[in-house]
N, C-alpha and C. Protein backbone atom coordinates (compact mmCIF):
# COMPACT_ATOMS: atom_id res chain seq x y z
N MET A 1 6.35 -30.71 7.55
CA MET A 1 7.56 -29.77 7.61
C MET A 1 8.67 -29.63 8.45
N THR A 2 9.20 -28.95 8.50
CA THR A 2 10.60 -29.30 9.29
C THR A 2 10.38 -28.72 10.44
N ALA A 3 11.44 -28.79 11.78
CA ALA A 3 11.70 -28.11 12.89
C ALA A 3 11.54 -26.40 12.91
N ASN A 4 12.25 -26.07 11.79
CA ASN A 4 12.71 -24.77 11.23
C ASN A 4 12.05 -24.07 10.26
N PRO A 5 10.63 -23.62 10.28
CA PRO A 5 9.50 -22.98 9.30
C PRO A 5 10.84 -21.94 8.29
N ARG A 6 11.65 -20.93 8.88
CA ARG A 6 12.22 -20.60 8.61
C ARG A 6 14.16 -20.56 7.39
N ARG A 7 13.81 -22.08 7.51
CA ARG A 7 14.94 -22.62 6.92
C ARG A 7 14.86 -22.52 5.53
N GLN A 8 15.72 -21.82 4.67
CA GLN A 8 15.70 -22.10 3.31
C GLN A 8 15.69 -23.26 2.34
N LEU A 9 14.56 -23.08 1.71
CA LEU A 9 13.92 -24.58 1.09
C LEU A 9 15.19 -25.62 0.75
N ARG A 10 15.30 -26.71 0.09
CA ARG A 10 16.39 -27.67 -0.32
C ARG A 10 15.68 -27.12 -1.83
N PRO A 11 16.89 -27.82 -3.00
CA PRO A 11 16.15 -27.94 -3.80
C PRO A 11 15.30 -28.66 -4.20
N THR A 12 14.49 -29.51 -4.42
CA THR A 12 13.79 -30.83 -4.05
C THR A 12 12.81 -30.50 -3.54
N ASP A 13 12.48 -29.43 -2.44
CA ASP A 13 10.93 -28.68 -1.92
C ASP A 13 11.14 -27.60 -2.81
N VAL A 14 12.16 -26.95 -3.34
CA VAL A 14 11.56 -25.68 -4.46
C VAL A 14 10.99 -26.40 -5.30
N LYS A 15 11.82 -27.36 -6.24
CA LYS A 15 10.97 -27.87 -6.73
C LYS A 15 9.47 -28.15 -7.24
N ARG A 16 8.86 -28.63 -5.70
CA ARG A 16 7.62 -29.46 -5.51
C ARG A 16 6.62 -27.86 -5.53
N LEU A 17 7.19 -26.35 -3.99
CA LEU A 17 6.60 -25.18 -4.19
C LEU A 17 6.47 -25.04 -5.74
N ASN A 18 7.18 -25.19 -6.75
CA ASN A 18 6.89 -24.79 -7.75
C ASN A 18 6.09 -25.40 -9.12
N ARG A 19 5.75 -26.64 -8.26
CA ARG A 19 5.05 -28.06 -9.19
C ARG A 19 3.96 -27.00 -8.52
N THR A 20 3.50 -27.10 -7.42
CA THR A 20 2.22 -26.70 -7.03
C THR A 20 1.50 -25.62 -7.60
N TRP A 21 2.36 -24.75 -7.95
CA TRP A 21 1.64 -22.94 -8.12
C TRP A 21 1.97 -23.27 -9.73
N ARG A 22 2.29 -24.23 -10.58
CA ARG A 22 2.39 -24.15 -11.62
C ARG A 22 0.92 -24.94 -11.70
N ARG A 23 0.87 -26.04 -10.95
CA ARG A 23 -0.88 -26.60 -11.13
C ARG A 23 -2.19 -25.48 -11.18
N ASN A 24 -2.14 -24.65 -10.13
CA ASN A 24 -2.27 -23.49 -9.58
C ASN A 24 -3.08 -22.09 -11.00
N THR A 25 -2.21 -22.35 -11.82
CA THR A 25 -2.04 -21.49 -12.81
C THR A 25 -2.96 -21.96 -13.92
N GLU A 26 -3.57 -21.24 -13.85
CA GLU A 26 -4.35 -21.47 -15.95
C GLU A 26 -4.24 -20.70 -16.87
N GLY A 27 -4.54 -20.00 -16.62
CA GLY A 27 -4.10 -18.19 -17.87
C GLY A 27 -2.81 -18.50 -18.20
N ARG A 28 -2.92 -18.32 -20.00
CA ARG A 28 -1.72 -18.35 -20.91
C ARG A 28 -1.29 -16.96 -21.10
N LEU A 29 0.12 -16.92 -20.63
CA LEU A 29 0.82 -15.45 -21.43
C LEU A 29 1.55 -15.50 -21.92
N ALA A 30 2.06 -14.80 -22.83
CA ALA A 30 2.87 -14.20 -23.69
C ALA A 30 3.75 -12.80 -23.85
N LEU A 31 4.53 -12.79 -24.21
CA LEU A 31 5.19 -11.57 -24.50
C LEU A 31 5.80 -11.40 -25.57
N ILE A 32 6.02 -9.80 -25.96
CA ILE A 32 6.44 -9.41 -27.42
C ILE A 32 7.17 -8.42 -26.99
N VAL A 33 8.71 -9.67 -27.92
CA VAL A 33 9.48 -8.25 -27.36
C VAL A 33 10.21 -7.20 -28.31
N GLU A 34 9.77 -5.67 -28.44
CA GLU A 34 9.75 -4.89 -29.32
C GLU A 34 11.24 -4.26 -29.60
N SER A 35 12.27 -4.57 -29.69
CA SER A 35 13.34 -3.78 -30.29
C SER A 35 14.35 -3.31 -28.98
N VAL A 36 14.47 -4.41 -27.81
CA VAL A 36 15.13 -4.72 -27.00
C VAL A 36 16.27 -4.87 -27.11
N THR A 37 17.40 -4.27 -27.32
CA THR A 37 19.08 -4.64 -28.17
C THR A 37 19.54 -5.14 -26.81
N GLY A 38 19.73 -4.18 -26.00
CA GLY A 38 20.16 -4.86 -24.56
C GLY A 38 20.45 -6.23 -24.43
N PRO A 39 21.19 -6.70 -24.28
CA PRO A 39 21.46 -8.90 -23.94
C PRO A 39 21.36 -8.94 -23.12
N PHE A 40 21.97 -8.11 -21.93
CA PHE A 40 21.50 -8.37 -20.71
C PHE A 40 19.76 -8.36 -20.13
N ASN A 41 19.44 -7.53 -20.62
CA ASN A 41 17.51 -7.11 -20.31
C ASN A 41 17.04 -8.18 -20.78
N ILE A 42 17.83 -9.09 -22.37
CA ILE A 42 16.66 -10.04 -23.06
C ILE A 42 17.61 -10.84 -22.40
N GLY A 43 17.98 -11.46 -21.62
CA GLY A 43 18.44 -12.39 -20.58
C GLY A 43 17.62 -12.29 -19.65
N SER A 44 17.32 -11.21 -19.13
CA SER A 44 16.22 -10.71 -17.79
C SER A 44 15.68 -11.13 -18.06
N ILE A 45 14.78 -10.53 -18.77
CA ILE A 45 13.38 -11.12 -19.92
C ILE A 45 12.98 -12.45 -19.52
N PHE A 46 14.29 -13.30 -20.67
CA PHE A 46 13.72 -14.84 -20.79
C PHE A 46 13.74 -15.15 -19.09
N ARG A 47 14.55 -15.13 -18.43
CA ARG A 47 15.06 -15.76 -17.53
C ARG A 47 13.11 -15.47 -16.02
N THR A 48 12.68 -13.81 -16.11
CA THR A 48 11.47 -13.42 -16.02
C THR A 48 9.96 -14.25 -16.25
N ALA A 49 10.38 -14.34 -18.07
CA ALA A 49 9.33 -15.44 -18.55
C ALA A 49 9.03 -16.74 -17.98
N ALA A 50 10.67 -17.31 -18.52
CA ALA A 50 10.54 -19.23 -17.54
C ALA A 50 10.07 -19.28 -15.55
N ALA A 51 10.37 -18.15 -15.20
CA ALA A 51 10.28 -18.39 -13.76
C ALA A 51 8.93 -18.83 -13.95
N PHE A 52 7.99 -17.39 -14.66
CA PHE A 52 6.64 -16.93 -14.35
C PHE A 52 5.49 -17.23 -15.29
N GLY A 53 6.43 -18.34 -15.68
CA GLY A 53 5.33 -19.81 -16.58
C GLY A 53 4.80 -18.52 -18.50
N VAL A 54 5.61 -18.22 -18.98
CA VAL A 54 5.47 -17.39 -20.16
C VAL A 54 5.41 -18.41 -20.73
N ASP A 55 3.54 -18.50 -21.51
CA ASP A 55 4.38 -19.71 -22.33
C ASP A 55 5.08 -19.35 -24.37
N ARG A 56 4.95 -17.64 -24.45
CA ARG A 56 5.60 -17.61 -25.73
C ARG A 56 6.56 -16.43 -25.37
N VAL A 57 7.74 -15.68 -26.68
CA VAL A 57 7.80 -14.77 -26.75
C VAL A 57 8.39 -14.06 -28.04
N TRP A 58 7.51 -13.43 -28.47
CA TRP A 58 7.45 -13.11 -29.91
C TRP A 58 8.69 -12.04 -29.69
N LEU A 59 9.51 -12.43 -30.82
CA LEU A 59 10.88 -10.76 -31.01
C LEU A 59 10.14 -10.64 -31.56
N ALA A 60 10.57 -8.59 -31.74
CA ALA A 60 9.82 -8.29 -33.04
C ALA A 60 11.23 -6.68 -33.25
N GLY A 61 10.96 -6.52 -33.85
CA GLY A 61 11.98 -5.38 -34.73
C GLY A 61 13.44 -5.68 -34.70
N ASN A 62 14.36 -5.18 -33.82
CA ASN A 62 15.85 -5.30 -34.42
C ASN A 62 15.66 -5.61 -32.73
N ALA A 63 15.26 -6.60 -31.92
CA ALA A 63 14.81 -7.24 -30.70
C ALA A 63 16.45 -8.39 -30.66
N THR A 64 17.35 -8.59 -29.88
CA THR A 64 18.14 -9.40 -29.94
C THR A 64 18.18 -10.84 -29.54
N PRO A 65 18.08 -11.83 -29.69
CA PRO A 65 17.71 -12.75 -29.27
C PRO A 65 18.43 -13.10 -28.09
N PRO A 66 18.20 -14.39 -27.96
CA PRO A 66 18.30 -14.62 -26.10
C PRO A 66 19.69 -15.73 -26.61
N THR A 67 20.12 -16.39 -27.47
CA THR A 67 20.67 -17.49 -28.20
C THR A 67 21.97 -16.31 -28.27
N ASN A 68 22.55 -15.03 -27.74
CA ASN A 68 23.09 -14.09 -27.63
C ASN A 68 24.38 -14.63 -26.59
N PRO A 69 25.89 -14.59 -26.64
CA PRO A 69 26.46 -14.94 -25.69
C PRO A 69 26.29 -14.07 -24.65
N LYS A 70 26.06 -12.85 -24.10
CA LYS A 70 25.95 -11.79 -22.96
C LYS A 70 24.43 -11.90 -22.98
N ALA A 71 23.58 -12.21 -23.28
CA ALA A 71 22.28 -12.90 -22.90
C ALA A 71 22.26 -14.27 -22.30
N GLN A 72 22.65 -14.71 -22.32
CA GLN A 72 22.79 -15.60 -22.34
C GLN A 72 23.61 -16.30 -20.53
N LYS A 73 24.45 -15.40 -19.78
CA LYS A 73 25.42 -14.70 -18.87
C LYS A 73 23.68 -14.44 -18.47
N THR A 74 22.77 -14.13 -18.03
CA THR A 74 22.01 -13.41 -17.31
C THR A 74 20.55 -14.45 -17.65
N ALA A 75 20.28 -15.41 -18.41
CA ALA A 75 19.28 -15.26 -18.33
C ALA A 75 19.31 -17.05 -18.08
N LEU A 76 20.66 -17.57 -18.10
CA LEU A 76 21.06 -18.84 -17.88
C LEU A 76 20.24 -20.01 -18.04
N GLY A 77 20.06 -20.08 -19.29
CA GLY A 77 19.87 -21.32 -19.69
C GLY A 77 17.95 -21.22 -20.31
N THR A 78 17.82 -20.07 -19.35
CA THR A 78 15.87 -20.35 -19.29
C THR A 78 15.62 -20.00 -20.59
N ASP A 79 15.93 -19.74 -22.07
CA ASP A 79 15.63 -19.51 -23.07
C ASP A 79 14.86 -20.63 -23.80
N ARG A 80 15.79 -21.92 -23.46
CA ARG A 80 15.38 -23.28 -23.31
C ARG A 80 14.12 -23.52 -23.40
N LEU A 81 13.84 -22.68 -21.88
CA LEU A 81 12.18 -23.42 -21.41
C LEU A 81 11.24 -22.48 -21.54
N VAL A 82 11.11 -21.55 -22.72
CA VAL A 82 10.13 -20.70 -23.33
C VAL A 82 10.10 -20.58 -24.49
N ALA A 83 9.21 -20.97 -24.98
CA ALA A 83 8.86 -20.78 -26.85
C ALA A 83 9.69 -19.89 -26.94
N TRP A 84 10.32 -19.46 -28.18
CA TRP A 84 10.25 -17.59 -28.63
C TRP A 84 10.18 -17.83 -30.43
N GLU A 85 9.86 -16.74 -31.11
CA GLU A 85 10.29 -16.56 -32.57
C GLU A 85 11.34 -15.85 -32.74
N GLU A 86 12.10 -15.63 -33.59
CA GLU A 86 13.55 -14.86 -34.53
C GLU A 86 12.43 -14.06 -34.28
N PRO A 87 13.13 -12.44 -34.64
CA PRO A 87 12.24 -11.71 -34.69
C PRO A 87 11.81 -11.36 -36.06
N VAL A 88 10.18 -10.68 -35.74
CA VAL A 88 9.95 -10.36 -37.13
C VAL A 88 9.28 -8.90 -36.93
N PRO A 89 8.44 -8.50 -38.35
CA PRO A 89 8.17 -7.30 -37.98
C PRO A 89 7.37 -7.04 -36.69
N VAL A 90 6.80 -5.93 -36.30
CA VAL A 90 5.66 -5.96 -34.94
C VAL A 90 4.11 -6.01 -35.47
N ALA A 91 4.10 -5.78 -36.78
CA ALA A 91 2.55 -5.56 -37.23
C ALA A 91 2.45 -7.19 -36.50
N GLU A 92 3.46 -7.81 -37.38
CA GLU A 92 3.73 -9.40 -37.65
C GLU A 92 3.40 -10.46 -36.23
N ALA A 93 4.08 -10.05 -35.45
CA ALA A 93 3.71 -10.27 -34.07
C ALA A 93 2.63 -10.39 -33.41
N VAL A 94 2.40 -8.67 -33.76
CA VAL A 94 0.85 -9.02 -32.68
C VAL A 94 -0.45 -9.81 -33.72
N ARG A 95 0.07 -10.01 -35.07
CA ARG A 95 -1.03 -11.16 -35.44
C ARG A 95 -1.04 -12.20 -34.60
N ALA A 96 0.56 -12.86 -34.52
CA ALA A 96 0.36 -13.83 -34.90
C ALA A 96 -0.18 -14.62 -33.35
N ALA A 97 0.90 -13.31 -32.39
CA ALA A 97 -0.23 -13.36 -30.51
C ALA A 97 -2.09 -13.25 -30.54
N ARG A 98 -2.53 -12.47 -31.36
CA ARG A 98 -4.03 -12.72 -31.68
C ARG A 98 -4.40 -13.85 -32.81
N ALA A 99 -4.15 -14.38 -32.89
CA ALA A 99 -4.11 -15.94 -34.35
C ALA A 99 -4.20 -16.70 -33.03
N ASP A 100 -2.91 -16.61 -31.76
CA ASP A 100 -3.31 -17.66 -30.80
C ASP A 100 -4.11 -17.95 -29.60
N GLY A 101 -5.05 -17.00 -29.98
CA GLY A 101 -6.22 -16.27 -28.62
C GLY A 101 -5.82 -15.59 -27.71
N PHE A 102 -4.18 -14.56 -27.77
CA PHE A 102 -4.10 -13.26 -26.82
C PHE A 102 -4.56 -12.10 -26.98
N THR A 103 -4.63 -11.43 -25.87
CA THR A 103 -4.84 -10.05 -26.25
C THR A 103 -4.36 -9.21 -26.23
N VAL A 104 -3.46 -7.96 -26.43
CA VAL A 104 -2.05 -7.71 -26.32
C VAL A 104 -2.44 -6.23 -25.45
N VAL A 105 -1.53 -6.17 -24.79
CA VAL A 105 -1.41 -5.65 -24.01
C VAL A 105 -0.25 -4.47 -24.41
N ALA A 106 -0.05 -3.85 -24.41
CA ALA A 106 1.02 -2.35 -24.43
C ALA A 106 1.77 -1.91 -23.01
N ILE A 107 2.72 -2.06 -22.55
CA ILE A 107 3.45 -1.14 -21.16
C ILE A 107 3.89 -0.23 -22.09
N GLU A 108 3.12 1.03 -21.78
CA GLU A 108 4.33 2.53 -22.25
C GLU A 108 3.28 3.61 -21.77
N LEU A 109 3.69 4.88 -21.78
CA LEU A 109 2.75 5.73 -21.50
C LEU A 109 2.34 6.56 -22.56
N THR A 110 1.23 6.39 -22.41
CA THR A 110 0.24 7.25 -23.56
C THR A 110 -0.89 7.61 -22.91
N GLY A 111 -1.62 8.89 -24.04
CA GLY A 111 -2.45 9.35 -22.97
C GLY A 111 -3.51 8.48 -22.85
N ASP A 112 -3.89 7.51 -23.10
CA ASP A 112 -4.82 6.50 -23.05
C ASP A 112 -4.48 5.81 -22.10
N ALA A 113 -3.06 5.22 -21.84
CA ALA A 113 -2.75 3.99 -20.56
C ALA A 113 -3.61 4.32 -19.64
N VAL A 114 -3.64 2.99 -18.92
CA VAL A 114 -4.80 2.97 -17.26
C VAL A 114 -3.31 1.98 -16.70
N PRO A 115 -3.36 2.64 -15.38
CA PRO A 115 -2.05 2.25 -14.63
C PRO A 115 -2.52 0.89 -14.30
N LEU A 116 -1.48 -0.01 -14.39
CA LEU A 116 -0.67 -2.15 -14.91
C LEU A 116 -2.14 -2.15 -13.08
N HIS A 117 -2.55 -1.57 -12.42
CA HIS A 117 -3.59 -2.33 -11.50
C HIS A 117 -4.45 -2.37 -11.79
N GLU A 118 -5.27 -1.22 -12.83
CA GLU A 118 -6.63 -0.89 -12.96
C GLU A 118 -6.90 -1.99 -14.20
N ALA A 119 -5.61 -2.22 -15.36
CA ALA A 119 -6.07 -3.10 -16.16
C ALA A 119 -6.50 -4.35 -16.95
N LYS A 120 -6.70 -4.51 -17.42
CA LYS A 120 -7.84 -5.32 -18.25
C LYS A 120 -7.26 -6.61 -18.72
N LEU A 121 -6.54 -6.98 -17.02
CA LEU A 121 -5.44 -8.58 -17.64
C LEU A 121 -5.76 -9.70 -17.19
N ASP A 122 -7.16 -10.25 -17.71
CA ASP A 122 -7.43 -11.11 -16.92
C ASP A 122 -7.82 -12.06 -18.38
N GLY A 123 -7.85 -13.22 -18.83
CA GLY A 123 -8.17 -14.46 -19.32
C GLY A 123 -6.30 -14.93 -20.26
N ASP A 124 -5.81 -15.28 -21.58
CA ASP A 124 -5.03 -14.65 -21.77
C ASP A 124 -4.24 -13.69 -22.42
N VAL A 125 -3.48 -13.67 -21.72
CA VAL A 125 -2.39 -11.85 -22.06
C VAL A 125 -1.70 -11.60 -22.90
N CYS A 126 -0.90 -11.53 -23.17
CA CYS A 126 -0.14 -11.30 -24.30
C CYS A 126 0.42 -9.65 -23.78
N LEU A 127 1.41 -9.68 -23.28
CA LEU A 127 2.03 -8.23 -22.59
C LEU A 127 3.14 -7.50 -24.12
N VAL A 128 3.38 -6.39 -24.17
CA VAL A 128 4.49 -5.85 -24.61
C VAL A 128 5.34 -4.82 -24.12
N VAL A 129 6.55 -4.96 -24.27
CA VAL A 129 7.19 -4.29 -24.07
C VAL A 129 8.07 -3.57 -25.25
N GLY A 130 8.59 -2.15 -24.72
CA GLY A 130 9.74 -1.66 -26.50
C GLY A 130 10.70 -1.79 -25.77
N GLY A 131 11.41 -1.07 -26.92
CA GLY A 131 12.93 -0.49 -27.10
C GLY A 131 13.32 0.15 -25.82
N GLU A 132 14.85 -0.56 -25.23
CA GLU A 132 15.53 0.79 -24.10
C GLU A 132 15.09 2.52 -24.00
N ASP A 133 15.28 2.64 -25.63
CA ASP A 133 15.55 4.27 -25.67
C ASP A 133 14.03 4.99 -26.04
N HIS A 134 13.10 4.24 -26.56
CA HIS A 134 12.13 4.95 -27.38
C HIS A 134 10.70 3.99 -27.09
N GLY A 135 10.87 3.07 -26.38
CA GLY A 135 9.75 2.41 -25.73
C GLY A 135 8.79 1.68 -27.06
N CYS A 136 7.57 1.46 -27.00
CA CYS A 136 6.99 0.71 -27.70
C CYS A 136 7.07 1.73 -29.04
N SER A 137 6.74 1.00 -30.55
CA SER A 137 6.75 2.07 -31.86
C SER A 137 5.29 2.41 -31.78
N PRO A 138 5.09 3.10 -33.02
CA PRO A 138 3.70 4.34 -32.69
C PRO A 138 2.49 2.62 -33.45
N ALA A 139 3.68 2.35 -34.48
CA ALA A 139 2.66 0.70 -35.27
C ALA A 139 2.41 -0.41 -34.11
N LEU A 140 3.31 -0.21 -33.06
CA LEU A 140 3.15 -1.71 -32.06
C LEU A 140 1.87 -0.88 -31.13
N LEU A 141 1.60 0.72 -30.40
CA LEU A 141 0.50 1.17 -29.83
C LEU A 141 -0.20 1.09 -30.72
N GLU A 142 -0.53 1.29 -31.87
CA GLU A 142 -2.01 1.17 -32.37
C GLU A 142 -2.56 -0.27 -33.02
N ALA A 143 -1.49 -0.80 -32.80
CA ALA A 143 -1.92 -2.45 -33.18
C ALA A 143 -2.69 -2.98 -31.86
N ALA A 144 -2.23 -2.70 -30.51
CA ALA A 144 -2.24 -3.14 -29.38
C ALA A 144 -3.56 -2.92 -29.12
N ASP A 145 -4.25 -3.78 -28.36
CA ASP A 145 -5.95 -4.50 -27.61
C ASP A 145 -6.11 -3.02 -26.79
N ALA A 146 -5.03 -2.77 -25.71
CA ALA A 146 -4.82 -1.96 -24.68
C ALA A 146 -3.59 -1.37 -24.43
N VAL A 147 -3.58 -0.67 -23.67
CA VAL A 147 -1.93 0.36 -22.73
C VAL A 147 -2.43 0.59 -21.38
N CYS A 148 -1.55 0.00 -20.89
CA CYS A 148 -1.25 0.38 -19.22
C CYS A 148 0.63 1.07 -19.14
N TYR A 149 0.66 1.14 -17.84
CA TYR A 149 1.64 1.85 -17.66
C TYR A 149 1.53 1.56 -16.31
N ILE A 150 2.77 1.69 -15.35
CA ILE A 150 3.21 1.46 -14.36
C ILE A 150 3.64 2.75 -13.57
N PRO A 151 2.34 2.99 -12.56
CA PRO A 151 3.04 4.31 -11.44
C PRO A 151 4.00 3.72 -10.61
N GLN A 152 4.17 5.33 -11.02
CA GLN A 152 5.80 5.25 -10.18
C GLN A 152 5.86 6.82 -9.82
N VAL A 153 6.17 6.98 -8.23
CA VAL A 153 6.17 8.01 -7.29
C VAL A 153 7.73 8.58 -6.98
N GLY A 154 8.71 8.04 -7.63
CA GLY A 154 9.85 8.53 -7.11
C GLY A 154 10.41 9.65 -8.28
N ARG A 155 11.43 9.97 -8.40
CA ARG A 155 12.31 11.06 -9.37
C ARG A 155 12.52 10.95 -10.22
N VAL A 156 12.67 9.44 -10.89
CA VAL A 156 13.08 8.64 -11.88
C VAL A 156 11.60 8.59 -12.94
N GLY A 157 11.64 8.50 -14.15
CA GLY A 157 10.47 8.99 -14.96
C GLY A 157 10.47 7.30 -15.69
N SER A 158 10.93 6.55 -15.42
CA SER A 158 10.85 5.49 -16.65
C SER A 158 11.65 4.43 -15.58
N LEU A 159 11.60 3.40 -16.19
CA LEU A 159 12.20 1.76 -15.62
C LEU A 159 12.94 0.99 -16.32
N ASN A 160 13.70 0.32 -16.21
CA ASN A 160 14.94 -0.64 -17.14
C ASN A 160 13.68 -1.64 -17.37
N VAL A 161 13.94 -1.50 -19.05
CA VAL A 161 12.64 -2.62 -19.67
C VAL A 161 12.65 -3.92 -19.04
N ALA A 162 13.42 -4.97 -18.49
CA ALA A 162 13.69 -5.75 -18.35
C ALA A 162 12.98 -5.50 -16.11
N VAL A 163 13.06 -4.57 -15.24
CA VAL A 163 12.46 -4.80 -14.33
C VAL A 163 10.60 -4.37 -14.92
N ALA A 164 10.76 -3.57 -15.24
CA ALA A 164 9.26 -3.25 -15.95
C ALA A 164 8.20 -4.35 -16.62
N THR A 165 8.86 -5.44 -17.30
CA THR A 165 8.31 -6.72 -18.12
C THR A 165 8.01 -7.47 -16.13
N ALA A 166 9.62 -7.51 -15.79
CA ALA A 166 8.94 -8.13 -14.67
C ALA A 166 7.76 -7.87 -13.76
N ILE A 167 7.55 -6.80 -13.73
CA ILE A 167 6.49 -6.55 -12.79
C ILE A 167 5.36 -6.15 -13.34
N ALA A 168 5.38 -6.69 -14.75
CA ALA A 168 3.57 -6.61 -15.19
C ALA A 168 3.17 -8.60 -15.76
N VAL A 169 4.26 -8.54 -16.10
CA VAL A 169 4.53 -10.06 -15.91
C VAL A 169 3.83 -10.53 -14.39
N GLY A 170 4.42 -10.37 -13.09
CA GLY A 170 4.00 -10.45 -11.63
C GLY A 170 2.61 -10.41 -11.59
N GLU A 171 2.23 -8.59 -11.86
CA GLU A 171 1.51 -8.29 -11.76
C GLU A 171 0.19 -9.53 -12.55
N VAL A 172 0.33 -9.62 -13.67
CA VAL A 172 -0.64 -11.10 -13.90
C VAL A 172 -0.71 -11.64 -13.25
N ARG A 173 -0.47 -12.79 -13.09
CA ARG A 173 0.00 -13.77 -12.32
C ARG A 173 -0.23 -13.67 -10.73
N ARG A 174 0.48 -12.11 -10.17
CA ARG A 174 -0.81 -12.09 -8.98
C ARG A 174 -2.43 -12.29 -8.83
N ARG A 175 -2.45 -11.58 -10.15
CA ARG A 175 -4.31 -11.31 -10.13
C ARG A 175 -4.81 -12.68 -10.21
N GLU A 176 -4.29 -13.54 -10.95
CA GLU A 176 -4.89 -14.85 -11.10
C GLU A 176 -4.70 -16.01 -9.54
N TRP A 177 -3.44 -15.26 -8.46
CA TRP A 177 -3.74 -16.07 -7.51
C TRP A 177 -3.95 -15.35 -6.44
N ALA A 178 -4.81 -14.16 -6.67
CA ALA A 178 -5.10 -13.58 -5.48
C ALA A 178 -6.67 -14.34 -4.85
N GLY A 179 -6.51 -14.69 -3.69
CA GLY A 179 -7.75 -15.53 -3.36
C GLY A 179 -7.68 -17.03 -3.25
N ARG A 180 -6.61 -17.31 -3.95
CA ARG A 180 -6.46 -18.69 -3.64
C ARG A 180 -5.49 -19.37 -2.51
N PRO A 181 -6.12 -20.42 -2.26
CA PRO A 181 -4.49 -20.68 -0.79
C PRO A 181 -3.42 -20.88 -1.56
N ALA A 182 -2.49 -20.71 -0.81
CA ALA A 182 -1.31 -20.81 -0.86
C ALA A 182 -1.22 -22.05 -0.74
N PRO A 183 0.09 -22.43 -2.17
CA PRO A 183 0.50 -24.08 -1.83
C PRO A 183 1.01 -24.74 -0.71
N GLY A 184 0.38 -25.40 0.10
CA GLY A 184 0.08 -25.90 1.57
C GLY A 184 -0.63 -25.47 2.87
N ASP A 185 -1.26 -24.50 2.23
CA ASP A 185 -2.35 -24.11 2.97
C ASP A 185 -4.07 -24.20 2.38
N GLU A 186 -3.92 -25.38 1.67
CA GLU A 186 -5.30 -25.26 1.18
C GLU A 186 -5.56 -26.85 1.95
N PRO A 187 -6.87 -26.73 2.29
CA PRO A 187 -7.58 -27.93 3.58
C PRO A 187 -6.99 -28.94 3.01
N GLY A 188 -7.09 -30.00 4.02
CA GLY A 188 -6.14 -31.54 3.78
C GLY A 188 -4.90 -31.40 3.13
N SER A 189 -3.86 -30.43 3.18
CA SER A 189 -2.83 -30.50 2.74
C SER A 189 -1.82 -30.29 4.13
N PRO A 190 -0.67 -31.18 3.70
CA PRO A 190 0.18 -32.06 5.25
C PRO A 190 0.51 -30.41 5.84
N ALA A 191 0.30 -29.48 5.70
CA ALA A 191 1.13 -27.88 6.21
C ALA A 191 0.01 -27.49 6.93
N SER A 192 -0.94 -27.69 6.78
CA SER A 192 -2.47 -26.84 7.26
C SER A 192 -2.82 -27.79 8.52
């Protein structure tokens, strides 16, 4: 540990810290991105996916691929760190996720949706987000195993799809890490 623990970590230290979190992460996480057409949203979703260790992204409907030049500006090359599939019909994406062992949970406001903090998100989870204007399609909602929503208390009724994705993906990982010691806090580590 350095003399000033509040200094920003050097790139080597950041890599070491991230590697430790990766070793403490067991749950598989995937995404289905249905009809998200904004390239900057796609780029942000891929960057979030890479940061949180998402295993695979299935693109569905008319979703913009991360190879779009505008998506690349936001993704900053992170699309090469996450396996992804070219857009397919949403039912096909859901079947593929289930065949790979994932429980499919849509993020959407529906009559039967539960708040994100109460949703069953353990095990191998594939979160689903829908397009910017209309959210998840009826076919997708019918195919999903469960639906949850992100509670909001402000005067705006919805979030940007990339922000909603980041919140949901972060919640899955937060739950997995809750109760575990943070890297460096384990007994016998140099920082303890």
